[in-house]
Amino acid sequence: AVKTGDVLAFLNHLLKHVTGELVVVLDNAAIHRAKAVSAFVEAQDRLSLVYLPPYSPEFNPIEKVWAYVKRNVLGNFCARTTKELRTRLRAGWQRIRYIQLPQRLMAATSI
C-alpha cells in the first residue's frame, strides 16, 4: 500500500531529477490530497498538482488495464497462496505486454 510519505518521496524525487516547471496529474486518492502533500506542494515554487475528476476512468488509462486484469486474468480465480497469485499476475502482465492495448482494452472492458 502506498502511503502519504511515499507520495512525498516521489514528488521530492521528481523535483530533484526534472528541471523546470513540474505539473503532476493525480487521481483523487486520499493519500494524494493529504495535508502533508498540500503543504509540501505549497512550499515548492515549480511544482503544481492537477487532480483528475472523481470516477473518471476515461482520463486514467491504467484503470482500463486494471479492469482487463480483473476480468481476464483474475476472473473466476481464487489463489490459495500469495505465491500462486503472484504467478498468475506475472503471467497476465506478460500477456498484456503483447496485446495492442488501446484496441483490445477498449473492446475487453465496459469502461
PDB file of N, CA and C in Angstrom:
ATOM      1  N   ALA A   1       0.839  -1.181   0.000  1.00  0.00           N
ATOM      2  CA  ALA A   1       0.000   0.000   0.000  1.00  0.00           C
ATOM      3  C   ALA A   1       0.886   1.247   0.000  1.00  0.00           C
ATOM      4  N   VAL A   2       0.508   2.193  -0.804  1.00  0.00           N
ATOM      5  CA  VAL A   2       1.233   3.458  -0.880  1.00  0.00           C
ATOM      6  C   VAL A   2       0.691   4.381   0.197  1.00  0.00           C
ATOM      7  N   LYS A   3       1.592   5.054   0.890  1.00  0.00           N
ATOM      8  CA  LYS A   3       1.197   5.957   1.969  1.00  0.00           C
ATOM      9  C   LYS A   3       1.635   7.377   1.628  1.00  0.00           C
ATOM     10  N   THR A   4       1.175   8.320   2.409  1.00  0.00           N
ATOM     11  CA  THR A   4       1.485   9.728   2.163  1.00  0.00           C
ATOM     12  C   THR A   4       2.987   9.972   2.076  1.00  0.00           C
ATOM     13  N   GLY A   5       3.758   9.343   2.929  1.00  0.00           N
ATOM     14  CA  GLY A   5       5.211   9.501   2.888  1.00  0.00           C
ATOM     15  C   GLY A   5       5.801   9.058   1.563  1.00  0.00           C
ATOM     16  N   ASP A   6       5.207   8.035   0.956  1.00  0.00           N
ATOM     17  CA  ASP A   6       5.666   7.568  -0.353  1.00  0.00           C
ATOM     18  C   ASP A   6       5.372   8.606  -1.434  1.00  0.00           C
ATOM     19  N   VAL A   7       4.219   9.252  -1.334  1.00  0.00           N
ATOM     20  CA  VAL A   7       3.864  10.303  -2.293  1.00  0.00           C
ATOM     21  C   VAL A   7       4.843  11.460  -2.163  1.00  0.00           C
ATOM     22  N   LEU A   8       5.144  11.846  -0.939  1.00  0.00           N
ATOM     23  CA  LEU A   8       6.102  12.933  -0.708  1.00  0.00           C
ATOM     24  C   LEU A   8       7.490  12.571  -1.240  1.00  0.00           C
ATOM     25  N   ALA A   9       7.907  11.350  -1.022  1.00  0.00           N
ATOM     26  CA  ALA A   9       9.212  10.900  -1.526  1.00  0.00           C
ATOM     27  C   ALA A   9       9.236  10.934  -3.050  1.00  0.00           C
ATOM     28  N   PHE A  10       8.151  10.518  -3.675  1.00  0.00           N
ATOM     29  CA  PHE A  10       8.057  10.535  -5.133  1.00  0.00           C
ATOM     30  C   PHE A  10       8.129  11.963  -5.670  1.00  0.00           C
ATOM     31  N   LEU A  11       7.361  12.878  -5.082  1.00  0.00           N
ATOM     32  CA  LEU A  11       7.380  14.272  -5.533  1.00  0.00           C
ATOM     33  C   LEU A  11       8.760  14.887  -5.336  1.00  0.00           C
ATOM     34  N   ASN A  12       9.391  14.592  -4.217  1.00  0.00           N
ATOM     35  CA  ASN A  12      10.741  15.085  -3.957  1.00  0.00           C
ATOM     36  C   ASN A  12      11.719  14.536  -4.986  1.00  0.00           C
ATOM     37  N   HIS A  13      11.579  13.265  -5.323  1.00  0.00           N
ATOM     38  CA  HIS A  13      12.429  12.632  -6.344  1.00  0.00           C
ATOM     39  C   HIS A  13      12.249  13.338  -7.689  1.00  0.00           C
ATOM     40  N   LEU A  14      11.003  13.609  -8.059  1.00  0.00           N
ATOM     41  CA  LEU A  14      10.751  14.313  -9.315  1.00  0.00           C
ATOM     42  C   LEU A  14      11.424  15.691  -9.331  1.00  0.00           C
ATOM     43  N   LEU A  15      11.294  16.409  -8.229  1.00  0.00           N
ATOM     44  CA  LEU A  15      11.893  17.743  -8.155  1.00  0.00           C
ATOM     45  C   LEU A  15      13.409  17.703  -8.294  1.00  0.00           C
ATOM     46  N   LYS A  16      14.024  16.658  -7.791  1.00  0.00           N
ATOM     47  CA  LYS A  16      15.483  16.531  -7.895  1.00  0.00           C
ATOM     48  C   LYS A  16      15.933  16.170  -9.299  1.00  0.00           C
ATOM     49  N   HIS A  17      15.093  15.450 -10.046  1.00  0.00           N
ATOM     50  CA  HIS A  17      15.528  14.890 -11.324  1.00  0.00           C
ATOM     51  C   HIS A  17      14.893  15.519 -12.557  1.00  0.00           C
ATOM     52  N   VAL A  18      13.899  16.373 -12.369  1.00  0.00           N
ATOM     53  CA  VAL A  18      13.242  17.035 -13.500  1.00  0.00           C
ATOM     54  C   VAL A  18      13.415  18.535 -13.325  1.00  0.00           C
ATOM     55  N   THR A  19      13.925  19.180 -14.360  1.00  0.00           N
ATOM     56  CA  THR A  19      14.138  20.633 -14.280  1.00  0.00           C
ATOM     57  C   THR A  19      12.902  21.374 -14.780  1.00  0.00           C
ATOM     58  N   GLY A  20      12.819  22.641 -14.429  1.00  0.00           N
ATOM     59  CA  GLY A  20      11.740  23.487 -14.902  1.00  0.00           C
ATOM     60  C   GLY A  20      10.444  23.276 -14.135  1.00  0.00           C
ATOM     61  N   GLU A  21       9.382  23.880 -14.692  1.00  0.00           N
ATOM     62  CA  GLU A  21       8.064  23.754 -14.077  1.00  0.00           C
ATOM     63  C   GLU A  21       7.615  22.302 -14.128  1.00  0.00           C
ATOM     64  N   LEU A  22       6.965  21.861 -13.080  1.00  0.00           N
ATOM     65  CA  LEU A  22       6.556  20.467 -12.970  1.00  0.00           C
ATOM     66  C   LEU A  22       5.083  20.405 -12.579  1.00  0.00           C
ATOM     67  N   VAL A  23       4.287  19.769 -13.440  1.00  0.00           N
ATOM     68  CA  VAL A  23       2.866  19.565 -13.174  1.00  0.00           C
ATOM     69  C   VAL A  23       2.641  18.060 -13.081  1.00  0.00           C
ATOM     70  N   VAL A  24       2.089  17.610 -11.975  1.00  0.00           N
ATOM     71  CA  VAL A  24       1.837  16.188 -11.752  1.00  0.00           C
ATOM     72  C   VAL A  24       0.323  15.982 -11.717  1.00  0.00           C
ATOM     73  N   VAL A  25      -0.144  15.033 -12.512  1.00  0.00           N
ATOM     74  CA  VAL A  25      -1.569  14.708 -12.569  1.00  0.00           C
ATOM     75  C   VAL A  25      -1.813  13.495 -11.678  1.00  0.00           C
ATOM     76  N   LEU A  26      -2.765  13.633 -10.753  1.00  0.00           N
ATOM     77  CA  LEU A  26      -3.071  12.583  -9.781  1.00  0.00           C
ATOM     78  C   LEU A  26      -4.560  12.284  -9.764  1.00  0.00           C
ATOM     79  N   ASP A  27      -4.907  11.090  -9.307  1.00  0.00           N
ATOM     80  CA  ASP A  27      -6.318  10.807  -9.081  1.00  0.00           C
ATOM     81  C   ASP A  27      -6.698  11.368  -7.716  1.00  0.00           C
ATOM     82  N   ASN A  28      -7.899  11.117  -7.293  1.00  0.00           N
ATOM     83  CA  ASN A  28      -8.398  11.702  -6.046  1.00  0.00           C
ATOM     84  C   ASN A  28      -8.198  10.824  -4.821  1.00  0.00           C
ATOM     85  N   ALA A  29      -7.207   9.962  -4.845  1.00  0.00           N
ATOM     86  CA  ALA A  29      -6.932   9.119  -3.682  1.00  0.00           C
ATOM     87  C   ALA A  29      -6.625  10.003  -2.465  1.00  0.00           C
ATOM     88  N   ALA A  30      -7.037   9.536  -1.317  1.00  0.00           N
ATOM     89  CA  ALA A  30      -6.849  10.309  -0.085  1.00  0.00           C
ATOM     90  C   ALA A  30      -5.374  10.637   0.160  1.00  0.00           C
ATOM     91  N   ILE A  31      -4.464   9.723  -0.195  1.00  0.00           N
ATOM     92  CA  ILE A  31      -3.043   9.981   0.036  1.00  0.00           C
ATOM     93  C   ILE A  31      -2.538  11.136  -0.826  1.00  0.00           C
ATOM     94  N   HIS A  32      -3.177  11.368  -1.973  1.00  0.00           N
ATOM     95  CA  HIS A  32      -2.759  12.475  -2.837  1.00  0.00           C
ATOM     96  C   HIS A  32      -3.277  13.816  -2.328  1.00  0.00           C
ATOM     97  N   ARG A  33      -4.324  13.780  -1.544  1.00  0.00           N
ATOM     98  CA  ARG A  33      -4.931  15.014  -1.036  1.00  0.00           C
ATOM     99  C   ARG A  33      -4.602  15.258   0.441  1.00  0.00           C
ATOM    100  N   ALA A  34      -3.685  14.513   0.985  1.00  0.00           N
ATOM    101  CA  ALA A  34      -3.322  14.648   2.400  1.00  0.00           C
ATOM    102  C   ALA A  34      -2.771  16.040   2.685  1.00  0.00           C
ATOM    103  N   LYS A  35      -2.969  16.504   3.906  1.00  0.00           N
ATOM    104  CA  LYS A  35      -2.480  17.828   4.314  1.00  0.00           C
ATOM    105  C   LYS A  35      -0.973  17.951   4.120  1.00  0.00           C
ATOM    106  N   ALA A  36      -0.245  16.886   4.404  1.00  0.00           N
ATOM    107  CA  ALA A  36       1.216  16.916   4.258  1.00  0.00           C
ATOM    108  C   ALA A  36       1.610  17.125   2.801  1.00  0.00           C
ATOM    109  N   VAL A  37       0.869  16.515   1.877  1.00  0.00           N
ATOM    110  CA  VAL A  37       1.149  16.689   0.443  1.00  0.00           C
ATOM    111  C   VAL A  37       0.857  18.126   0.032  1.00  0.00           C
ATOM    112  N   SER A  38      -0.282  18.649   0.460  1.00  0.00           N
ATOM    113  CA  SER A  38      -0.637  20.040   0.138  1.00  0.00           C
ATOM    114  C   SER A  38       0.403  21.016   0.673  1.00  0.00           C
ATOM    115  N   ALA A  39       0.838  20.807   1.898  1.00  0.00           N
ATOM    116  CA  ALA A  39       1.857  21.688   2.496  1.00  0.00           C
ATOM    117  C   ALA A  39       3.168  21.598   1.726  1.00  0.00           C
ATOM    118  N   PHE A  40       3.551  20.398   1.331  1.00  0.00           N
ATOM    119  CA  PHE A  40       4.786  20.205   0.572  1.00  0.00           C
ATOM    120  C   PHE A  40       4.712  20.943  -0.761  1.00  0.00           C
ATOM    121  N   VAL A  41       3.592  20.803  -1.458  1.00  0.00           N
ATOM    122  CA  VAL A  41       3.431  21.439  -2.771  1.00  0.00           C
ATOM    123  C   VAL A  41       3.444  22.959  -2.638  1.00  0.00           C
ATOM    124  N   GLU A  42       2.801  23.492  -1.612  1.00  0.00           N
ATOM    125  CA  GLU A  42       2.781  24.943  -1.404  1.00  0.00           C
ATOM    126  C   GLU A  42       4.180  25.501  -1.169  1.00  0.00           C
ATOM    127  N   ALA A  43       5.060  24.693  -0.615  1.00  0.00           N
ATOM    128  CA  ALA A  43       6.431  25.140  -0.337  1.00  0.00           C
ATOM    129  C   ALA A  43       7.333  25.071  -1.574  1.00  0.00           C
ATOM    130  N   GLN A  44       6.843  24.481  -2.654  1.00  0.00           N
ATOM    131  CA  GLN A  44       7.646  24.321  -3.874  1.00  0.00           C
ATOM    132  C   GLN A  44       7.171  25.308  -4.933  1.00  0.00           C
ATOM    133  N   ASP A  45       8.083  26.160  -5.404  1.00  0.00           N
ATOM    134  CA  ASP A  45       7.710  27.173  -6.398  1.00  0.00           C
ATOM    135  C   ASP A  45       7.387  26.584  -7.765  1.00  0.00           C
ATOM    136  N   ARG A  46       8.030  25.507  -8.139  1.00  0.00           N
ATOM    137  CA  ARG A  46       7.877  25.000  -9.508  1.00  0.00           C
ATOM    138  C   ARG A  46       7.043  23.736  -9.622  1.00  0.00           C
ATOM    139  N   LEU A  47       6.362  23.360  -8.535  1.00  0.00           N
ATOM    140  CA  LEU A  47       5.545  22.154  -8.532  1.00  0.00           C
ATOM    141  C   LEU A  47       4.078  22.503  -8.352  1.00  0.00           C
ATOM    142  N   SER A  48       3.238  21.922  -9.210  1.00  0.00           N
ATOM    143  CA  SER A  48       1.797  22.049  -9.018  1.00  0.00           C
ATOM    144  C   SER A  48       1.147  20.700  -9.312  1.00  0.00           C
ATOM    145  N   LEU A  49       0.015  20.483  -8.669  1.00  0.00           N
ATOM    146  CA  LEU A  49      -0.720  19.236  -8.834  1.00  0.00           C
ATOM    147  C   LEU A  49      -2.046  19.520  -9.515  1.00  0.00           C
ATOM    148  N   VAL A  50      -2.447  18.613 -10.393  1.00  0.00           N
ATOM    149  CA  VAL A  50      -3.752  18.669 -11.035  1.00  0.00           C
ATOM    150  C   VAL A  50      -4.435  17.353 -10.712  1.00  0.00           C
ATOM    151  N   TYR A  51      -5.655  17.427 -10.212  1.00  0.00           N
ATOM    152  CA  TYR A  51      -6.383  16.224  -9.834  1.00  0.00           C
ATOM    153  C   TYR A  51      -7.415  15.873 -10.896  1.00  0.00           C
ATOM    154  N   LEU A  52      -7.469  14.592 -11.232  1.00  0.00           N
ATOM    155  CA  LEU A  52      -8.499  14.106 -12.136  1.00  0.00           C
ATOM    156  C   LEU A  52      -9.848  14.184 -11.437  1.00  0.00           C
ATOM    157  N   PRO A  53     -10.919  14.369 -12.198  1.00  0.00           N
ATOM    158  CA  PRO A  53     -12.243  14.353 -11.560  1.00  0.00           C
ATOM    159  C   PRO A  53     -12.516  12.981 -10.945  1.00  0.00           C
ATOM    160  N   PRO A  54     -13.299  12.946  -9.874  1.00  0.00           N
ATOM    161  CA  PRO A  54     -13.635  11.646  -9.274  1.00  0.00           C
ATOM    162  C   PRO A  54     -14.381  10.770 -10.275  1.00  0.00           C
ATOM    163  N   TYR A  55     -14.166   9.470 -10.177  1.00  0.00           N
ATOM    164  CA  TYR A  55     -14.866   8.495 -11.007  1.00  0.00           C
ATOM    165  C   TYR A  55     -14.755   8.823 -12.497  1.00  0.00           C
ATOM    166  N   SER A  56     -13.515   9.000 -12.950  1.00  0.00           N
ATOM    167  CA  SER A  56     -13.300   9.318 -14.363  1.00  0.00           C
ATOM    168  C   SER A  56     -12.226   8.417 -14.960  1.00  0.00           C
ATOM    169  N   PRO A  57     -12.520   7.135 -15.103  1.00  0.00           N
ATOM    170  CA  PRO A  57     -11.517   6.208 -15.644  1.00  0.00           C
ATOM    171  C   PRO A  57     -11.100   6.539 -17.066  1.00  0.00           C
ATOM    172  N   GLU A  58     -11.940   7.275 -17.802  1.00  0.00           N
ATOM    173  CA  GLU A  58     -11.578   7.640 -19.167  1.00  0.00           C
ATOM    174  C   GLU A  58     -10.365   8.580 -19.212  1.00  0.00           C
ATOM    175  N   PHE A  59     -10.074   9.254 -18.112  1.00  0.00           N
ATOM    176  CA  PHE A  59      -8.904  10.123 -18.040  1.00  0.00           C
ATOM    177  C   PHE A  59      -7.693   9.422 -17.439  1.00  0.00           C
ATOM    178  N   ASN A  60      -7.863   8.209 -16.967  1.00  0.00           N
ATOM    179  CA  ASN A  60      -6.804   7.480 -16.286  1.00  0.00           C
ATOM    180  C   ASN A  60      -6.649   6.102 -16.941  1.00  0.00           C
ATOM    181  N   PRO A  61      -5.836   5.999 -17.996  1.00  0.00           N
ATOM    182  CA  PRO A  61      -5.742   4.763 -18.781  1.00  0.00           C
ATOM    183  C   PRO A  61      -5.388   3.511 -17.980  1.00  0.00           C
ATOM    184  N   ILE A  62      -4.695   3.644 -16.868  1.00  0.00           N
ATOM    185  CA  ILE A  62      -4.343   2.450 -16.099  1.00  0.00           C
ATOM    186  C   ILE A  62      -5.594   1.749 -15.578  1.00  0.00           C
ATOM    187  N   GLU A  63      -6.684   2.492 -15.423  1.00  0.00           N
ATOM    188  CA  GLU A  63      -7.926   1.874 -14.970  1.00  0.00           C
ATOM    189  C   GLU A  63      -8.418   0.829 -15.968  1.00  0.00           C
ATOM    190  N   LYS A  64      -8.193   1.066 -17.255  1.00  0.00           N
ATOM    191  CA  LYS A  64      -8.572   0.085 -18.276  1.00  0.00           C
ATOM    192  C   LYS A  64      -7.711  -1.180 -18.151  1.00  0.00           C
ATOM    193  N   VAL A  65      -6.439  -0.992 -17.836  1.00  0.00           N
ATOM    194  CA  VAL A  65      -5.557  -2.143 -17.643  1.00  0.00           C
ATOM    195  C   VAL A  65      -6.025  -2.959 -16.444  1.00  0.00           C
ATOM    196  N   TRP A  66      -6.326  -2.276 -15.322  1.00  0.00           N
ATOM    197  CA  TRP A  66      -6.792  -2.995 -14.126  1.00  0.00           C
ATOM    198  C   TRP A  66      -8.094  -3.731 -14.414  1.00  0.00           C
ATOM    199  N   ALA A  67      -9.003  -3.091 -15.157  1.00  0.00           N
ATOM    200  CA  ALA A  67     -10.272  -3.749 -15.494  1.00  0.00           C
ATOM    201  C   ALA A  67     -10.012  -5.008 -16.319  1.00  0.00           C
ATOM    202  N   TYR A  68      -9.084  -4.925 -17.255  1.00  0.00           N
ATOM    203  CA  TYR A  68      -8.738  -6.085 -18.079  1.00  0.00           C
ATOM    204  C   TYR A  68      -8.167  -7.208 -17.200  1.00  0.00           C
ATOM    205  N   VAL A  69      -7.260  -6.847 -16.303  1.00  0.00           N
ATOM    206  CA  VAL A  69      -6.647  -7.853 -15.419  1.00  0.00           C
ATOM    207  C   VAL A  69      -7.714  -8.512 -14.545  1.00  0.00           C
ATOM    208  N   LYS A  70      -8.586  -7.711 -13.958  1.00  0.00           N
ATOM    209  CA  LYS A  70      -9.633  -8.266 -13.096  1.00  0.00           C
ATOM    210  C   LYS A  70     -10.537  -9.218 -13.866  1.00  0.00           C
ATOM    211  N   ARG A  71     -10.894  -8.830 -15.086  1.00  0.00           N
ATOM    212  CA  ARG A  71     -11.836  -9.630 -15.860  1.00  0.00           C
ATOM    213  C   ARG A  71     -11.188 -10.842 -16.518  1.00  0.00           C
ATOM    214  N   ASN A  72     -10.001 -10.680 -17.107  1.00  0.00           N
ATOM    215  CA  ASN A  72      -9.417 -11.720 -17.948  1.00  0.00           C
ATOM    216  C   ASN A  72      -8.269 -12.504 -17.325  1.00  0.00           C
ATOM    217  N   VAL A  73      -7.670 -11.982 -16.285  1.00  0.00           N
ATOM    218  CA  VAL A  73      -6.559 -12.682 -15.641  1.00  0.00           C
ATOM    219  C   VAL A  73      -7.006 -13.279 -14.307  1.00  0.00           C
ATOM    220  N   LEU A  74      -7.745 -12.501 -13.533  1.00  0.00           N
ATOM    221  CA  LEU A  74      -8.139 -12.954 -12.201  1.00  0.00           C
ATOM    222  C   LEU A  74      -9.594 -13.393 -12.096  1.00  0.00           C
ATOM    223  N   GLY A  75     -10.376 -13.214 -13.159  1.00  0.00           N
ATOM    224  CA  GLY A  75     -11.774 -13.624 -13.128  1.00  0.00           C
ATOM    225  C   GLY A  75     -11.897 -15.115 -12.856  1.00  0.00           C
ATOM    226  N   ASN A  76     -12.796 -15.484 -11.950  1.00  0.00           N
ATOM    227  CA  ASN A  76     -13.029 -16.889 -11.570  1.00  0.00           C
ATOM    228  C   ASN A  76     -11.762 -17.586 -11.094  1.00  0.00           C
ATOM    229  N   PHE A  77     -10.884 -16.854 -10.451  1.00  0.00           N
ATOM    230  CA  PHE A  77      -9.635 -17.416  -9.934  1.00  0.00           C
ATOM    231  C   PHE A  77      -9.548 -17.129  -8.444  1.00  0.00           C
ATOM    232  N   CYS A  78      -9.254 -18.146  -7.662  1.00  0.00           N
ATOM    233  CA  CYS A  78      -9.090 -17.975  -6.222  1.00  0.00           C
ATOM    234  C   CYS A  78      -7.751 -18.597  -5.828  1.00  0.00           C
ATOM    235  N   ALA A  79      -6.781 -17.741  -5.572  1.00  0.00           N
ATOM    236  CA  ALA A  79      -5.447 -18.231  -5.214  1.00  0.00           C
ATOM    237  C   ALA A  79      -5.468 -18.804  -3.801  1.00  0.00           C
ATOM    238  N   ARG A  80      -4.757 -19.893  -3.635  1.00  0.00           N
ATOM    239  CA  ARG A  80      -4.641 -20.492  -2.300  1.00  0.00           C
ATOM    240  C   ARG A  80      -3.477 -19.886  -1.524  1.00  0.00           C
ATOM    241  N   THR A  81      -2.503 -19.351  -2.253  1.00  0.00           N
ATOM    242  CA  THR A  81      -1.336 -18.746  -1.609  1.00  0.00           C
ATOM    243  C   THR A  81      -0.980 -17.457  -2.350  1.00  0.00           C
ATOM    244  N   THR A  82      -0.194 -16.613  -1.697  1.00  0.00           N
ATOM    245  CA  THR A  82       0.263 -15.398  -2.382  1.00  0.00           C
ATOM    246  C   THR A  82       1.203 -15.750  -3.525  1.00  0.00           C
ATOM    247  N   LYS A  83       1.936 -16.836  -3.388  1.00  0.00           N
ATOM    248  CA  LYS A  83       2.825 -17.264  -4.473  1.00  0.00           C
ATOM    249  C   LYS A  83       2.009 -17.624  -5.717  1.00  0.00           C
ATOM    250  N   GLU A  84       0.905 -18.313  -5.527  1.00  0.00           N
ATOM    251  CA  GLU A  84       0.038 -18.683  -6.643  1.00  0.00           C
ATOM    252  C   GLU A  84      -0.559 -17.432  -7.305  1.00  0.00           C
ATOM    253  N   LEU A  85      -0.966 -16.462  -6.497  1.00  0.00           N
ATOM    254  CA  LEU A  85      -1.496 -15.202  -7.025  1.00  0.00           C
ATOM    255  C   LEU A  85      -0.420 -14.456  -7.802  1.00  0.00           C
ATOM    256  N   ARG A  86       0.769 -14.386  -7.230  1.00  0.00           N
ATOM    257  CA  ARG A  86       1.885 -13.703  -7.881  1.00  0.00           C
ATOM    258  C   ARG A  86       2.196 -14.339  -9.244  1.00  0.00           C
ATOM    259  N   THR A  87       2.209 -15.657  -9.294  1.00  0.00           N
ATOM    260  CA  THR A  87       2.484 -16.374 -10.552  1.00  0.00           C
ATOM    261  C   THR A  87       1.419 -16.050 -11.597  1.00  0.00           C
ATOM    262  N   ARG A  88       0.163 -16.062 -11.177  1.00  0.00           N
ATOM    263  CA  ARG A  88      -0.940 -15.761 -12.105  1.00  0.00           C
ATOM    264  C   ARG A  88      -0.842 -14.334 -12.617  1.00  0.00           C
ATOM    265  N   LEU A  89      -0.547 -13.384 -11.727  1.00  0.00           N
ATOM    266  CA  LEU A  89      -0.427 -11.983 -12.143  1.00  0.00           C
ATOM    267  C   LEU A  89       0.747 -11.772 -13.092  1.00  0.00           C
ATOM    268  N   ARG A  90       1.872 -12.388 -12.815  1.00  0.00           N
ATOM    269  CA  ARG A  90       3.027 -12.257 -13.717  1.00  0.00           C
ATOM    270  C   ARG A  90       2.694 -12.774 -15.104  1.00  0.00           C
ATOM    271  N   ALA A  91       2.038 -13.910 -15.178  1.00  0.00           N
ATOM    272  CA  ALA A  91       1.643 -14.461 -16.477  1.00  0.00           C
ATOM    273  C   ALA A  91       0.673 -13.514 -17.179  1.00  0.00           C
ATOM    274  N   GLY A  92      -0.257 -12.939 -16.428  1.00  0.00           N
ATOM    275  CA  GLY A  92      -1.209 -11.993 -17.004  1.00  0.00           C
ATOM    276  C   GLY A  92      -0.541 -10.742 -17.522  1.00  0.00           C
ATOM    277  N   TRP A  93       0.411 -10.202 -16.765  1.00  0.00           N
ATOM    278  CA  TRP A  93       1.122  -9.000 -17.210  1.00  0.00           C
ATOM    279  C   TRP A  93       1.939  -9.282 -18.466  1.00  0.00           C
ATOM    280  N   GLN A  94       2.498 -10.490 -18.576  1.00  0.00           N
ATOM    281  CA  GLN A  94       3.229 -10.851 -19.795  1.00  0.00           C
ATOM    282  C   GLN A  94       2.285 -10.851 -20.988  1.00  0.00           C
ATOM    283  N   ARG A  95       1.075 -11.341 -20.800  1.00  0.00           N
ATOM    284  CA  ARG A  95       0.079 -11.328 -21.872  1.00  0.00           C
ATOM    285  C   ARG A  95      -0.279  -9.904 -22.269  1.00  0.00           C
ATOM    286  N   ILE A  96      -0.460  -9.047 -21.291  1.00  0.00           N
ATOM    287  CA  ILE A  96      -0.833  -7.653 -21.561  1.00  0.00           C
ATOM    288  C   ILE A  96       0.251  -6.944 -22.355  1.00  0.00           C
ATOM    289  N   ARG A  97       1.496  -7.262 -22.101  1.00  0.00           N
ATOM    290  CA  ARG A  97       2.599  -6.604 -22.809  1.00  0.00           C
ATOM    291  C   ARG A  97       2.528  -6.834 -24.310  1.00  0.00           C
ATOM    292  N   TYR A  98       1.901  -7.931 -24.746  1.00  0.00           N
ATOM    293  CA  TYR A  98       1.917  -8.286 -26.157  1.00  0.00           C
ATOM    294  C   TYR A  98       0.605  -8.021 -26.888  1.00  0.00           C
ATOM    295  N   ILE A  99      -0.402  -7.527 -26.196  1.00  0.00           N
ATOM    296  CA  ILE A  99      -1.625  -7.180 -26.906  1.00  0.00           C
ATOM    297  C   ILE A  99      -1.570  -5.718 -27.289  1.00  0.00           C
ATOM    298  N   GLN A 100      -2.371  -5.329 -28.249  1.00  0.00           N
ATOM    299  CA  GLN A 100      -2.444  -3.925 -28.632  1.00  0.00           C
ATOM    300  C   GLN A 100      -3.374  -3.258 -27.631  1.00  0.00           C
ATOM    301  N   LEU A 101      -2.797  -2.591 -26.675  1.00  0.00           N
ATOM    302  CA  LEU A 101      -3.564  -2.093 -25.545  1.00  0.00           C
ATOM    303  C   LEU A 101      -4.769  -1.234 -25.915  1.00  0.00           C
ATOM    304  N   PRO A 102      -4.632  -0.187 -26.690  1.00  0.00           N
ATOM    305  CA  PRO A 102      -5.804   0.677 -26.897  1.00  0.00           C
ATOM    306  C   PRO A 102      -7.002  -0.076 -27.484  1.00  0.00           C
ATOM    307  N   GLN A 103      -6.804  -0.841 -28.559  1.00  0.00           N
ATOM    308  CA  GLN A 103      -7.919  -1.517 -29.203  1.00  0.00           C
ATOM    309  C   GLN A 103      -8.453  -2.657 -28.340  1.00  0.00           C
ATOM    310  N   ARG A 104      -7.595  -3.527 -27.862  1.00  0.00           N
ATOM    311  CA  ARG A 104      -8.026  -4.701 -27.115  1.00  0.00           C
ATOM    312  C   ARG A 104      -8.644  -4.329 -25.775  1.00  0.00           C
ATOM    313  N   LEU A 105      -8.068  -3.347 -25.099  1.00  0.00           N
ATOM    314  CA  LEU A 105      -8.625  -2.986 -23.793  1.00  0.00           C
ATOM    315  C   LEU A 105      -9.967  -2.314 -23.927  1.00  0.00           C
ATOM    316  N   MET A 106     -10.127  -1.489 -24.940  1.00  0.00           N
ATOM    317  CA  MET A 106     -11.406  -0.831 -25.135  1.00  0.00           C
ATOM    318  C   MET A 106     -12.486  -1.888 -25.425  1.00  0.00           C
ATOM    319  N   ALA A 107     -12.132  -2.906 -26.202  1.00  0.00           N
ATOM    320  CA  ALA A 107     -13.085  -3.961 -26.535  1.00  0.00           C
ATOM    321  C   ALA A 107     -13.327  -4.897 -25.347  1.00  0.00           C
ATOM    322  N   ALA A 108     -12.331  -5.088 -24.507  1.00  0.00           N
ATOM    323  CA  ALA A 108     -12.424  -6.074 -23.421  1.00  0.00           C
ATOM    324  C   ALA A 108     -13.066  -5.502 -22.161  1.00  0.00           C
ATOM    325  N   THR A 109     -13.222  -4.202 -22.076  1.00  0.00           N
ATOM    326  CA  THR A 109     -13.780  -3.608 -20.878  1.00  0.00           C
ATOM    327  C   THR A 109     -15.037  -2.828 -21.226  1.00  0.00           C
ATOM    328  N   SER A 110     -15.843  -2.610 -20.253  1.00  0.00           N
ATOM    329  CA  SER A 110     -17.058  -1.831 -20.489  1.00  0.00           C
ATOM    330  C   SER A 110     -16.857  -0.361 -20.131  1.00  0.00           C
ATOM    331  N   ILE A 111     -15.619   0.021 -19.872  1.00  0.00           N
ATOM    332  CA  ILE A 111     -15.306   1.394 -19.465  1.00  0.00           C
ATOM    333  C   ILE A 111     -15.308   2.286 -20.691  1.00  0.00           C
TER     334      ILE A 111
END
